[in-house]
Amino acid sequence: MGRSRSGTSSPVQVRYRLTAWQQTTPFLPAVVGTTAVFFLSAPDIPPPGGLTGLVTFWIVVLALGPLFSFRFGITLTPTAAVVHNLRRRTIPWSDIQGVQIESILGTRTVVLYEAGGRRTALRAPQTGFLSWDRHFEEKFHVVGEWWLSHRGPDWIPVPPPWAWWNTPSA
């Protein structure tokens, strides 16, 4: 969590990214799988460069893996939530209708619901079986508090889609 301060005690912006373990975890099955294929499919044929070559190759992959997912996350600013996925999106706080946690296959993710019906699942913060984040609940509450305090006095909740069909016509 990075915080920028401008001489006051309240943060100007808050940035959440994937933890180092969460950035490395997606590559572990590939490491185990390829190593098993090298040693079980042809035990008499050594991998290119021998065992040290294989180990060096996977150390490089595990070291470079976090570079690809380093920028994923969210930056909370006083005017908007800046979502950093494959591309960056800026969502004004007044357009967000809700902040919730969704669980899919054991991975809990923070989701932003927008007024237009769009649902934006955040890459960070998240927590799951192999990618555990012990501060996930705290981060979720911080995102929710930023939304509640920055959405503005003119924020109007949009009725859920099912209510539109049940209302009498004008």
Protein backbone atom coordinates (compact mmCIF):
# COMPACT_ATOMS: atom_id res chain seq x y z
CA MET A 1 0.00 0.00 0.00
CA GLY A 2 1.50 3.29 -1.04
CA ARG A 3 0.32 6.56 0.43
CA SER A 4 1.13 10.03 -0.78
CA ARG A 5 0.85 12.81 1.76
CA SER A 6 0.76 16.57 1.32
CA GLY A 7 1.60 17.81 4.79
CA THR A 8 -1.73 16.72 6.31
CA SER A 9 -2.53 13.59 8.24
CA SER A 10 -5.06 12.32 5.67
CA PRO A 11 -3.70 10.62 2.54
CA VAL A 12 -4.08 12.35 -0.82
CA GLN A 13 -4.20 9.01 -2.58
CA VAL A 14 -3.94 5.33 -1.70
CA ARG A 15 -2.56 2.66 -4.05
CA TYR A 16 -3.15 -1.08 -3.67
CA ARG A 17 -1.20 -3.61 -5.73
CA LEU A 18 -0.82 -7.37 -5.72
CA THR A 19 1.58 -8.62 -3.06
CA ALA A 20 4.90 -10.16 -4.16
CA TRP A 21 3.57 -13.66 -3.37
CA GLN A 22 0.40 -13.00 -5.41
CA GLN A 23 2.52 -11.89 -8.37
CA THR A 24 4.65 -15.06 -8.27
CA THR A 25 1.99 -17.68 -7.48
CA PRO A 26 0.48 -17.94 -11.02
CA PHE A 27 3.84 -19.18 -12.33
CA LEU A 28 4.34 -21.97 -9.77
CA PRO A 29 2.18 -24.60 -11.58
CA ALA A 30 4.22 -24.03 -14.74
CA VAL A 31 7.45 -24.50 -12.79
CA VAL A 32 6.29 -27.74 -11.20
CA GLY A 33 4.67 -29.03 -14.41
CA THR A 34 7.61 -28.44 -16.71
CA THR A 35 10.09 -29.80 -14.22
CA ALA A 36 7.96 -32.95 -13.86
CA VAL A 37 7.73 -33.34 -17.66
CA PHE A 38 11.53 -33.03 -18.01
CA PHE A 39 12.24 -35.66 -15.39
CA LEU A 40 9.34 -38.10 -15.89
CA SER A 41 9.00 -38.24 -19.70
CA ALA A 42 12.64 -38.93 -20.50
CA PRO A 43 14.70 -39.57 -17.39
CA ASP A 44 17.78 -40.52 -19.44
CA ILE A 45 17.75 -37.25 -21.46
CA PRO A 46 18.86 -34.28 -19.37
CA PRO A 47 17.24 -30.88 -19.90
CA PRO A 48 19.18 -28.34 -22.01
CA GLY A 49 22.00 -27.00 -19.85
CA GLY A 50 21.58 -29.81 -17.36
CA LEU A 51 19.82 -29.47 -14.04
CA THR A 52 21.46 -26.12 -13.33
CA GLY A 53 20.17 -24.78 -16.66
CA LEU A 54 16.60 -25.79 -15.75
CA VAL A 55 16.86 -24.28 -12.28
CA THR A 56 18.37 -21.07 -13.67
CA PHE A 57 15.61 -20.83 -16.28
CA TRP A 58 12.84 -21.08 -13.68
CA ILE A 59 14.54 -18.63 -11.32
CA VAL A 60 14.55 -16.13 -14.18
CA VAL A 61 10.86 -16.83 -14.95
CA LEU A 62 9.86 -16.42 -11.29
CA ALA A 63 11.91 -13.23 -11.02
CA LEU A 64 10.48 -11.66 -14.20
CA GLY A 65 6.89 -12.81 -13.61
CA PRO A 66 6.05 -10.04 -11.14
CA LEU A 67 7.09 -7.42 -13.69
CA PHE A 68 4.05 -8.30 -15.81
CA SER A 69 1.53 -7.98 -12.97
CA PHE A 70 3.25 -5.21 -10.99
CA ARG A 71 0.96 -2.45 -12.22
CA PHE A 72 -2.36 -4.24 -11.55
CA GLY A 73 -4.38 -2.69 -8.75
CA ILE A 74 -6.31 0.43 -7.81
CA THR A 75 -5.41 4.00 -6.91
CA LEU A 76 -7.91 5.89 -4.75
CA THR A 77 -7.91 9.64 -5.38
CA PRO A 78 -10.31 12.31 -4.02
CA THR A 79 -12.13 12.52 -7.38
CA ALA A 80 -12.07 8.97 -8.75
CA ALA A 81 -10.98 5.37 -8.45
CA VAL A 82 -8.25 4.66 -10.99
CA VAL A 83 -8.34 0.96 -11.92
CA HIS A 84 -5.07 -0.45 -13.29
CA ASN A 85 -5.77 -3.62 -15.28
CA LEU A 86 -4.48 -4.32 -18.78
CA ARG A 87 -5.53 -0.76 -19.49
CA ARG A 88 -6.19 2.07 -17.06
CA ARG A 89 -9.73 3.26 -16.33
CA THR A 90 -10.75 6.26 -14.26
CA ILE A 91 -14.15 5.88 -12.59
CA PRO A 92 -15.54 8.99 -10.83
CA TRP A 93 -16.81 8.27 -7.32
CA SER A 94 -20.24 9.68 -8.22
CA ASP A 95 -20.65 6.97 -10.91
CA ILE A 96 -20.03 4.10 -8.49
CA GLN A 97 -23.20 2.63 -7.01
CA GLY A 98 -21.65 0.04 -4.73
CA VAL A 99 -18.49 -1.69 -3.51
CA GLN A 100 -18.81 -5.37 -2.64
CA ILE A 101 -16.80 -8.54 -2.22
CA GLU A 102 -17.46 -11.39 -4.65
CA SER A 103 -16.16 -14.90 -4.24
CA ILE A 104 -15.48 -17.03 -7.33
CA LEU A 105 -13.87 -20.45 -6.88
CA GLY A 106 -12.49 -19.48 -3.49
CA THR A 107 -10.92 -16.19 -4.62
CA ARG A 108 -12.44 -13.13 -2.97
CA THR A 109 -12.29 -9.96 -5.07
CA VAL A 110 -13.43 -6.36 -4.56
CA VAL A 111 -15.99 -5.35 -7.22
CA LEU A 112 -17.14 -1.83 -8.15
CA TYR A 113 -20.70 -1.49 -9.48
CA GLU A 114 -21.21 1.50 -11.77
CA ALA A 115 -24.39 3.47 -12.51
CA GLY A 116 -24.52 2.27 -16.13
CA GLY A 117 -24.69 -1.35 -15.01
CA ARG A 118 -21.02 -2.10 -15.57
CA ARG A 119 -19.29 -4.33 -13.04
CA THR A 120 -15.55 -3.85 -12.54
CA ALA A 121 -13.68 -6.58 -10.68
CA LEU A 122 -10.38 -5.35 -9.27
CA ARG A 123 -7.17 -7.36 -9.69
CA ALA A 124 -6.01 -6.03 -6.33
CA PRO A 125 -6.94 -6.25 -3.55
CA GLN A 126 -7.90 -9.91 -3.74
CA THR A 127 -7.31 -13.00 -1.67
CA GLY A 128 -7.52 -16.72 -2.32
CA PHE A 129 -6.18 -20.14 -1.43
CA LEU A 130 -2.64 -19.79 -2.79
CA SER A 131 -2.64 -16.00 -3.09
CA TRP A 132 -3.58 -15.07 0.47
CA ASP A 133 -3.63 -11.41 1.52
CA ARG A 134 -3.95 -11.07 5.28
CA HIS A 135 -4.91 -7.39 4.95
CA PHE A 136 -7.71 -7.98 2.40
CA GLU A 137 -10.59 -7.03 4.72
CA GLU A 138 -8.83 -3.85 5.79
CA LYS A 139 -8.18 -2.88 2.15
CA PHE A 140 -11.81 -3.58 1.22
CA HIS A 141 -13.02 -1.33 4.03
CA VAL A 142 -10.65 1.45 2.96
CA VAL A 143 -12.01 1.32 -0.61
CA GLY A 144 -15.57 1.41 0.75
CA GLU A 145 -14.80 4.33 3.06
CA TRP A 146 -13.21 6.30 0.21
CA TRP A 147 -16.33 5.71 -1.90
CA LEU A 148 -18.67 6.77 0.90
CA SER A 149 -16.69 9.91 1.75
CA HIS A 150 -15.92 11.03 -1.82
CA ARG A 151 -19.06 10.19 -3.80
CA GLY A 152 -20.44 13.69 -3.17
CA PRO A 153 -23.65 15.15 -1.71
CA ASP A 154 -25.45 15.03 -5.09
CA TRP A 155 -24.96 11.26 -5.45
CA ILE A 156 -28.26 9.52 -6.25
CA PRO A 157 -28.57 5.74 -6.06
CA VAL A 158 -29.73 4.06 -9.23
CA PRO A 159 -32.49 1.49 -8.67
CA PRO A 160 -31.44 -2.10 -9.38
CA PRO A 161 -32.40 -3.42 -12.85
CA TRP A 162 -35.12 -5.72 -11.48
CA ALA A 163 -36.95 -2.68 -10.02
CA TRP A 164 -37.22 -1.05 -13.45
CA TRP A 165 -39.42 -3.86 -14.75
CA ASN A 166 -41.68 -4.00 -11.68
CA THR A 167 -42.60 -0.32 -11.59
CA PRO A 168 -45.86 0.90 -13.10
CA SER A 169 -45.52 2.62 -16.46
CA ALA A 170 -45.98 6.41 -16.54
